[in-house]
N, C-alpha and C. Protein backbone atom coordinates (compact mmCIF):
# COMPACT_ATOMS: atom_id res chain seq x y z
N MET A 1 -23.88 27.64 6.54
CA MET A 1 -22.85 26.65 6.76
C MET A 1 -23.24 25.83 8.00
N THR A 2 -23.24 24.54 7.85
CA THR A 2 -23.62 23.66 8.94
C THR A 2 -22.38 23.21 9.70
N THR A 3 -22.45 23.23 11.00
CA THR A 3 -21.34 22.74 11.82
C THR A 3 -21.75 21.45 12.50
N GLN A 4 -20.77 20.65 12.81
CA GLN A 4 -21.02 19.39 13.49
C GLN A 4 -20.84 19.53 15.00
N ALA A 5 -20.66 20.74 15.50
CA ALA A 5 -20.42 20.96 16.92
C ALA A 5 -21.66 20.65 17.75
N LYS A 6 -22.84 20.68 17.16
CA LYS A 6 -24.07 20.44 17.91
C LYS A 6 -24.21 18.98 18.35
N ILE A 7 -23.41 18.08 17.77
CA ILE A 7 -23.50 16.67 18.17
C ILE A 7 -23.16 16.52 19.65
N TRP A 8 -22.29 17.39 20.17
CA TRP A 8 -21.86 17.27 21.57
C TRP A 8 -22.93 17.76 22.54
N THR A 9 -24.02 18.37 22.03
CA THR A 9 -25.14 18.68 22.90
C THR A 9 -26.02 17.46 23.11
N VAL A 10 -25.90 16.47 22.22
CA VAL A 10 -26.68 15.23 22.32
C VAL A 10 -25.86 14.14 23.00
N VAL A 11 -24.59 13.99 22.57
CA VAL A 11 -23.69 12.96 23.10
C VAL A 11 -22.50 13.66 23.73
N PRO A 12 -22.22 13.41 24.99
CA PRO A 12 -21.06 14.05 25.61
C PRO A 12 -19.75 13.52 25.02
N PRO A 13 -18.73 14.36 24.92
CA PRO A 13 -17.45 13.93 24.34
C PRO A 13 -16.81 12.76 25.08
N SER A 14 -17.07 12.62 26.35
CA SER A 14 -16.49 11.50 27.10
C SER A 14 -17.08 10.16 26.67
N VAL A 15 -18.22 10.18 26.00
CA VAL A 15 -18.83 8.96 25.47
C VAL A 15 -18.60 8.87 23.96
N GLY A 16 -18.79 9.98 23.26
CA GLY A 16 -18.73 9.98 21.80
C GLY A 16 -17.35 9.71 21.24
N LEU A 17 -16.32 10.32 21.81
CA LEU A 17 -14.96 10.12 21.27
C LEU A 17 -14.47 8.68 21.44
N PRO A 18 -14.62 8.05 22.60
CA PRO A 18 -14.22 6.65 22.68
C PRO A 18 -15.02 5.74 21.75
N LEU A 19 -16.31 6.03 21.58
CA LEU A 19 -17.11 5.23 20.64
C LEU A 19 -16.61 5.40 19.21
N PHE A 20 -16.32 6.64 18.83
CA PHE A 20 -15.83 6.90 17.48
C PHE A 20 -14.48 6.23 17.24
N LEU A 21 -13.54 6.45 18.16
CA LEU A 21 -12.21 5.86 17.99
C LEU A 21 -12.25 4.33 18.09
N GLY A 22 -13.12 3.81 18.94
CA GLY A 22 -13.27 2.35 19.03
C GLY A 22 -13.83 1.76 17.76
N SER A 23 -14.80 2.44 17.15
CA SER A 23 -15.37 1.93 15.90
C SER A 23 -14.36 1.99 14.76
N VAL A 24 -13.53 3.02 14.72
CA VAL A 24 -12.48 3.09 13.70
C VAL A 24 -11.49 1.94 13.89
N THR A 25 -11.14 1.64 15.13
CA THR A 25 -10.22 0.54 15.41
C THR A 25 -10.81 -0.81 15.00
N VAL A 26 -12.07 -1.03 15.32
CA VAL A 26 -12.73 -2.29 14.96
C VAL A 26 -12.80 -2.44 13.44
N ILE A 27 -13.13 -1.39 12.74
CA ILE A 27 -13.20 -1.45 11.28
C ILE A 27 -11.83 -1.76 10.69
N ALA A 28 -10.77 -1.13 11.20
CA ALA A 28 -9.43 -1.37 10.69
C ALA A 28 -9.01 -2.82 10.92
N ILE A 29 -9.33 -3.36 12.10
CA ILE A 29 -9.00 -4.76 12.38
C ILE A 29 -9.78 -5.70 11.46
N LEU A 30 -11.05 -5.41 11.22
CA LEU A 30 -11.85 -6.24 10.33
C LEU A 30 -11.33 -6.21 8.89
N VAL A 31 -10.90 -5.05 8.43
CA VAL A 31 -10.36 -4.96 7.07
C VAL A 31 -9.07 -5.77 6.97
N HIS A 32 -8.19 -5.64 7.97
CA HIS A 32 -6.95 -6.41 7.93
C HIS A 32 -7.23 -7.91 8.02
N LEU A 33 -8.17 -8.32 8.82
CA LEU A 33 -8.53 -9.72 8.92
C LEU A 33 -9.10 -10.24 7.60
N ALA A 34 -9.92 -9.44 6.94
CA ALA A 34 -10.48 -9.86 5.65
C ALA A 34 -9.39 -10.01 4.60
N VAL A 35 -8.44 -9.10 4.57
CA VAL A 35 -7.34 -9.21 3.62
C VAL A 35 -6.50 -10.45 3.92
N LEU A 36 -6.27 -10.70 5.18
CA LEU A 36 -5.46 -11.85 5.57
C LEU A 36 -6.12 -13.18 5.24
N THR A 37 -7.44 -13.27 5.42
CA THR A 37 -8.12 -14.55 5.24
C THR A 37 -8.68 -14.75 3.83
N HIS A 38 -8.81 -13.70 3.04
CA HIS A 38 -9.43 -13.85 1.72
C HIS A 38 -8.46 -13.66 0.56
N THR A 39 -7.20 -13.56 0.82
CA THR A 39 -6.22 -13.45 -0.25
C THR A 39 -5.17 -14.54 -0.08
N THR A 40 -4.49 -14.85 -1.16
CA THR A 40 -3.41 -15.84 -1.08
C THR A 40 -2.05 -15.16 -1.03
N TRP A 41 -1.96 -13.93 -1.52
CA TRP A 41 -0.67 -13.27 -1.58
C TRP A 41 -0.24 -12.68 -0.25
N PHE A 42 -1.18 -12.31 0.61
CA PHE A 42 -0.79 -11.64 1.86
C PHE A 42 -0.09 -12.59 2.84
N PRO A 43 -0.63 -13.79 3.10
CA PRO A 43 0.13 -14.71 3.96
C PRO A 43 1.49 -15.09 3.34
N ALA A 44 1.53 -15.22 2.02
CA ALA A 44 2.81 -15.52 1.37
C ALA A 44 3.78 -14.36 1.52
N TYR A 45 3.26 -13.15 1.52
CA TYR A 45 4.11 -11.97 1.74
C TYR A 45 4.71 -11.99 3.13
N TRP A 46 3.91 -12.36 4.14
CA TRP A 46 4.42 -12.43 5.51
C TRP A 46 5.46 -13.53 5.66
N GLN A 47 5.32 -14.60 4.89
CA GLN A 47 6.28 -15.71 4.98
C GLN A 47 7.50 -15.48 4.10
N GLY A 48 7.54 -14.42 3.38
CA GLY A 48 8.69 -14.12 2.53
C GLY A 48 8.45 -14.42 1.07
N GLY A 49 7.34 -15.04 0.73
CA GLY A 49 6.99 -15.31 -0.65
C GLY A 49 7.94 -16.29 -1.31
N VAL A 50 7.72 -16.52 -2.57
CA VAL A 50 8.55 -17.41 -3.36
C VAL A 50 9.76 -16.64 -3.85
N LYS A 51 10.91 -17.21 -3.63
CA LYS A 51 12.14 -16.56 -4.09
C LYS A 51 12.34 -16.85 -5.58
N LYS A 52 12.55 -15.80 -6.34
CA LYS A 52 12.79 -15.93 -7.77
C LYS A 52 14.26 -15.69 -8.06
N ALA A 53 14.75 -16.37 -9.07
CA ALA A 53 16.13 -16.15 -9.48
C ALA A 53 16.24 -14.77 -10.12
N ALA A 54 17.35 -14.14 -9.90
CA ALA A 54 17.56 -12.82 -10.48
C ALA A 54 17.65 -12.93 -12.00
N ALA A 55 16.95 -12.05 -12.67
CA ALA A 55 16.99 -12.05 -14.13
C ALA A 55 18.29 -11.39 -14.60
N VAL A 56 18.92 -12.03 -15.57
CA VAL A 56 20.16 -11.50 -16.12
C VAL A 56 19.79 -10.73 -17.38
N GLU A 57 20.15 -9.46 -17.38
CA GLU A 57 19.85 -8.64 -18.54
C GLU A 57 21.03 -8.70 -19.50
N ALA A 58 20.72 -8.96 -20.75
CA ALA A 58 21.76 -8.98 -21.77
C ALA A 58 21.95 -7.57 -22.30
N VAL A 59 23.18 -7.19 -22.52
CA VAL A 59 23.47 -5.87 -23.06
C VAL A 59 23.22 -5.93 -24.57
N PRO A 60 22.33 -5.08 -25.09
CA PRO A 60 22.04 -5.14 -26.53
C PRO A 60 23.24 -4.65 -27.34
N LYS A 61 23.43 -5.29 -28.47
CA LYS A 61 24.52 -4.89 -29.37
C LYS A 61 24.08 -3.66 -30.15
N PRO A 62 25.03 -2.81 -30.48
CA PRO A 62 24.65 -1.63 -31.28
C PRO A 62 24.13 -2.05 -32.65
N VAL A 63 23.16 -1.31 -33.14
CA VAL A 63 22.55 -1.63 -34.43
C VAL A 63 23.47 -1.20 -35.57
N ALA A 64 24.04 -0.06 -35.46
CA ALA A 64 24.92 0.43 -36.52
C ALA A 64 26.12 1.12 -35.86
N SER A 65 27.19 1.17 -36.56
CA SER A 65 28.37 1.82 -36.03
C SER A 65 28.35 3.29 -36.46
N LEU A 66 29.09 4.12 -35.72
CA LEU A 66 29.17 5.52 -36.05
C LEU A 66 30.06 5.74 -37.26
N PRO A 67 29.77 6.76 -38.04
CA PRO A 67 30.65 7.05 -39.18
C PRO A 67 32.05 7.42 -38.69
N SER A 68 33.03 7.20 -39.52
CA SER A 68 34.40 7.49 -39.13
C SER A 68 34.54 8.98 -38.86
N GLY A 69 35.31 9.32 -37.86
CA GLY A 69 35.52 10.70 -37.50
C GLY A 69 34.55 11.21 -36.46
N VAL A 70 33.45 10.45 -36.11
CA VAL A 70 32.48 10.85 -35.11
C VAL A 70 32.84 10.13 -33.81
N ILE A 71 32.93 10.88 -32.74
CA ILE A 71 33.28 10.30 -31.45
C ILE A 71 32.04 10.32 -30.55
N ALA A 72 31.72 9.16 -29.97
CA ALA A 72 30.59 9.08 -29.05
C ALA A 72 31.01 9.53 -27.67
N ASN A 73 30.15 10.26 -27.00
CA ASN A 73 30.45 10.72 -25.63
C ASN A 73 30.05 9.70 -24.64
């Protein structure tokens, strides 16, 4: 079984951890920037998007009636 603990014999944690966390932060910012600049829906989402009228659902009529003497619950 290989462990990754030996990395700290090469790079001290006071250098490696800030580099690792900084690189994760930079990647996250770049991904968000790419989504913001390369899509049309994301800026529209931030602005509230296009308001659509609420759809009115029609209640369907029953297809057949119940036989006499049968009560629906």
